Structures are given as C-alpha cells and as structure tokens.
Amino acid sequence: MVIKNNKVDIFSHLFQFSQNVDVQGFILKLFPSVGDQVVVQISLMIINALSKIKSVILNSLVELLLNF
C-alpha cells in the first residue's frame, strides 16, 4: 500500500511539473540568439514529447488505480 501511494505521488508531481514548464523561456535561455521560428519549432517538439510522457504517466496511474 505504501509503495502504491508513493507511485501516485511521483506521478502526480511529474504531471504537475510538466504542466508548469516554460518551454520557450527554457529554449531562449539555452539559445539566446536563435530566431523566433526556431524557438517555436523546438518548443513544439518538446511540448509534443512532454504530452507523450504525460500520456504514459496518466495511463500508468489509471492502471495502478484499477489494480488497487
């Protein structure tokens, strides 16, 4: 029971973190001299990857809760 609660907490924190990430700000700090179009393209790639990760997290959480 403790292990399952810890997994839920980890999934919850990862999901909240992914919701609050400032992707464009992060890209601009890493590459301050790139153009706006490059920032948008890189941001979209990162947001897409985060969306896939969130999907895996939510699917795992649902599976965990159904097996509880």
C-alpha atoms as a PDB file:
ATOM      1  CA  MET A   1       0.000   0.000   0.000  1.00  0.00           C
ATOM      2  CA  VAL A   2       2.841   2.422   0.820  1.00  0.00           C
ATOM      3  CA  ILE A   3       4.569   1.670  -2.478  1.00  0.00           C
ATOM      4  CA  LYS A   4       1.411   2.422  -4.455  1.00  0.00           C
ATOM      5  CA  ASN A   5       0.903   5.724  -2.625  1.00  0.00           C
ATOM      6  CA  ASN A   6       4.500   6.722  -3.387  1.00  0.00           C
ATOM      7  CA  LYS A   7       3.989   5.913  -7.066  1.00  0.00           C
ATOM      8  CA  VAL A   8       0.851   8.047  -7.136  1.00  0.00           C
ATOM      9  CA  ASP A   9       2.764  10.922  -5.501  1.00  0.00           C
ATOM     10  CA  ILE A  10       5.599  10.624  -8.022  1.00  0.00           C
ATOM     11  CA  PHE A  11       3.194  10.543 -10.964  1.00  0.00           C
ATOM     12  CA  SER A  12       1.303  13.498  -9.539  1.00  0.00           C
ATOM     13  CA  HIS A  13       4.456  15.593  -9.092  1.00  0.00           C
ATOM     14  CA  LEU A  14       5.756  14.714 -12.572  1.00  0.00           C
ATOM     15  CA  PHE A  15       2.423  15.614 -14.124  1.00  0.00           C
ATOM     16  CA  GLN A  16       2.261  18.944 -12.277  1.00  0.00           C
ATOM     17  CA  PHE A  17       5.848  19.745 -13.265  1.00  0.00           C
ATOM     18  CA  SER A  18       5.120  19.035 -16.921  1.00  0.00           C
ATOM     19  CA  GLN A  19       2.097  21.350 -16.787  1.00  0.00           C
ATOM     20  CA  ASN A  20       4.143  24.270 -15.418  1.00  0.00           C
ATOM     21  CA  VAL A  21       7.283  24.080 -17.577  1.00  0.00           C
ATOM     22  CA  ASP A  22       8.066  27.285 -19.515  1.00  0.00           C
ATOM     23  CA  VAL A  23       9.442  25.647 -22.642  1.00  0.00           C
ATOM     24  CA  GLN A  24      10.011  28.798 -24.689  1.00  0.00           C
ATOM     25  CA  GLY A  25      11.757  30.533 -21.776  1.00  0.00           C
ATOM     26  CA  PHE A  26      13.986  27.483 -21.345  1.00  0.00           C
ATOM     27  CA  ILE A  27      14.896  27.453 -25.051  1.00  0.00           C
ATOM     28  CA  LEU A  28      15.643  31.179 -25.044  1.00  0.00           C
ATOM     29  CA  LYS A  29      17.961  30.770 -22.043  1.00  0.00           C
ATOM     30  CA  LEU A  30      19.836  27.948 -23.756  1.00  0.00           C
ATOM     31  CA  PHE A  31      19.991  29.618 -27.161  1.00  0.00           C
ATOM     32  CA  PRO A  32      19.542  33.389 -26.726  1.00  0.00           C
ATOM     33  CA  SER A  33      20.478  34.282 -30.294  1.00  0.00           C
ATOM     34  CA  VAL A  34      18.133  31.962 -32.217  1.00  0.00           C
ATOM     35  CA  GLY A  35      15.187  33.281 -34.176  1.00  0.00           C
ATOM     36  CA  ASP A  36      11.569  33.134 -33.115  1.00  0.00           C
ATOM     37  CA  GLN A  37      10.716  30.421 -35.641  1.00  0.00           C
ATOM     38  CA  VAL A  38      13.438  28.125 -34.287  1.00  0.00           C
ATOM     39  CA  VAL A  39      12.207  28.699 -30.723  1.00  0.00           C
ATOM     40  CA  VAL A  40       8.656  27.833 -31.787  1.00  0.00           C
ATOM     41  CA  GLN A  41       9.734  24.669 -33.615  1.00  0.00           C
ATOM     42  CA  ILE A  42      11.914  23.418 -30.754  1.00  0.00           C
ATOM     43  CA  SER A  43       9.192  24.294 -28.242  1.00  0.00           C
ATOM     44  CA  LEU A  44       6.617  22.332 -30.203  1.00  0.00           C
ATOM     45  CA  MET A  45       8.902  19.302 -30.321  1.00  0.00           C
ATOM     46  CA  ILE A  46       9.464  19.453 -26.562  1.00  0.00           C
ATOM     47  CA  ILE A  47       5.758  20.022 -25.845  1.00  0.00           C
ATOM     48  CA  ASN A  48       4.903  17.022 -28.031  1.00  0.00           C
ATOM     49  CA  ALA A  49       7.404  14.864 -26.148  1.00  0.00           C
ATOM     50  CA  LEU A  50       6.005  16.063 -22.805  1.00  0.00           C
ATOM     51  CA  SER A  51       2.498  15.250 -23.992  1.00  0.00           C
ATOM     52  CA  LYS A  52       3.539  11.700 -24.807  1.00  0.00           C
ATOM     53  CA  ILE A  53       5.221  11.379 -21.401  1.00  0.00           C
ATOM     54  CA  LYS A  54       2.082  12.718 -19.692  1.00  0.00           C
ATOM     55  CA  SER A  55       0.003  10.186 -21.583  1.00  0.00           C
ATOM     56  CA  VAL A  56       2.214   7.360 -20.346  1.00  0.00           C
ATOM     57  CA  ILE A  57       2.054   8.716 -16.789  1.00  0.00           C
ATOM     58  CA  LEU A  58      -1.732   9.001 -16.854  1.00  0.00           C
ATOM     59  CA  ASN A  59      -2.145   5.541 -18.381  1.00  0.00           C
ATOM     60  CA  SER A  60       0.152   4.096 -15.711  1.00  0.00           C
ATOM     61  CA  LEU A  61      -1.759   5.908 -12.997  1.00  0.00           C
ATOM     62  CA  VAL A  62      -5.093   4.593 -14.261  1.00  0.00           C
ATOM     63  CA  GLU A  63      -3.669   1.073 -14.450  1.00  0.00           C
ATOM     64  CA  LEU A  64      -2.286   1.429 -10.931  1.00  0.00           C
ATOM     65  CA  LEU A  65      -5.618   2.638  -9.580  1.00  0.00           C
ATOM     66  CA  LEU A  66      -7.566  -0.113 -11.356  1.00  0.00           C
ATOM     67  CA  ASN A  67      -5.249  -2.731  -9.858  1.00  0.00           C
ATOM     68  CA  PHE A  68      -5.517  -1.207  -6.384  1.00  0.00           C
END
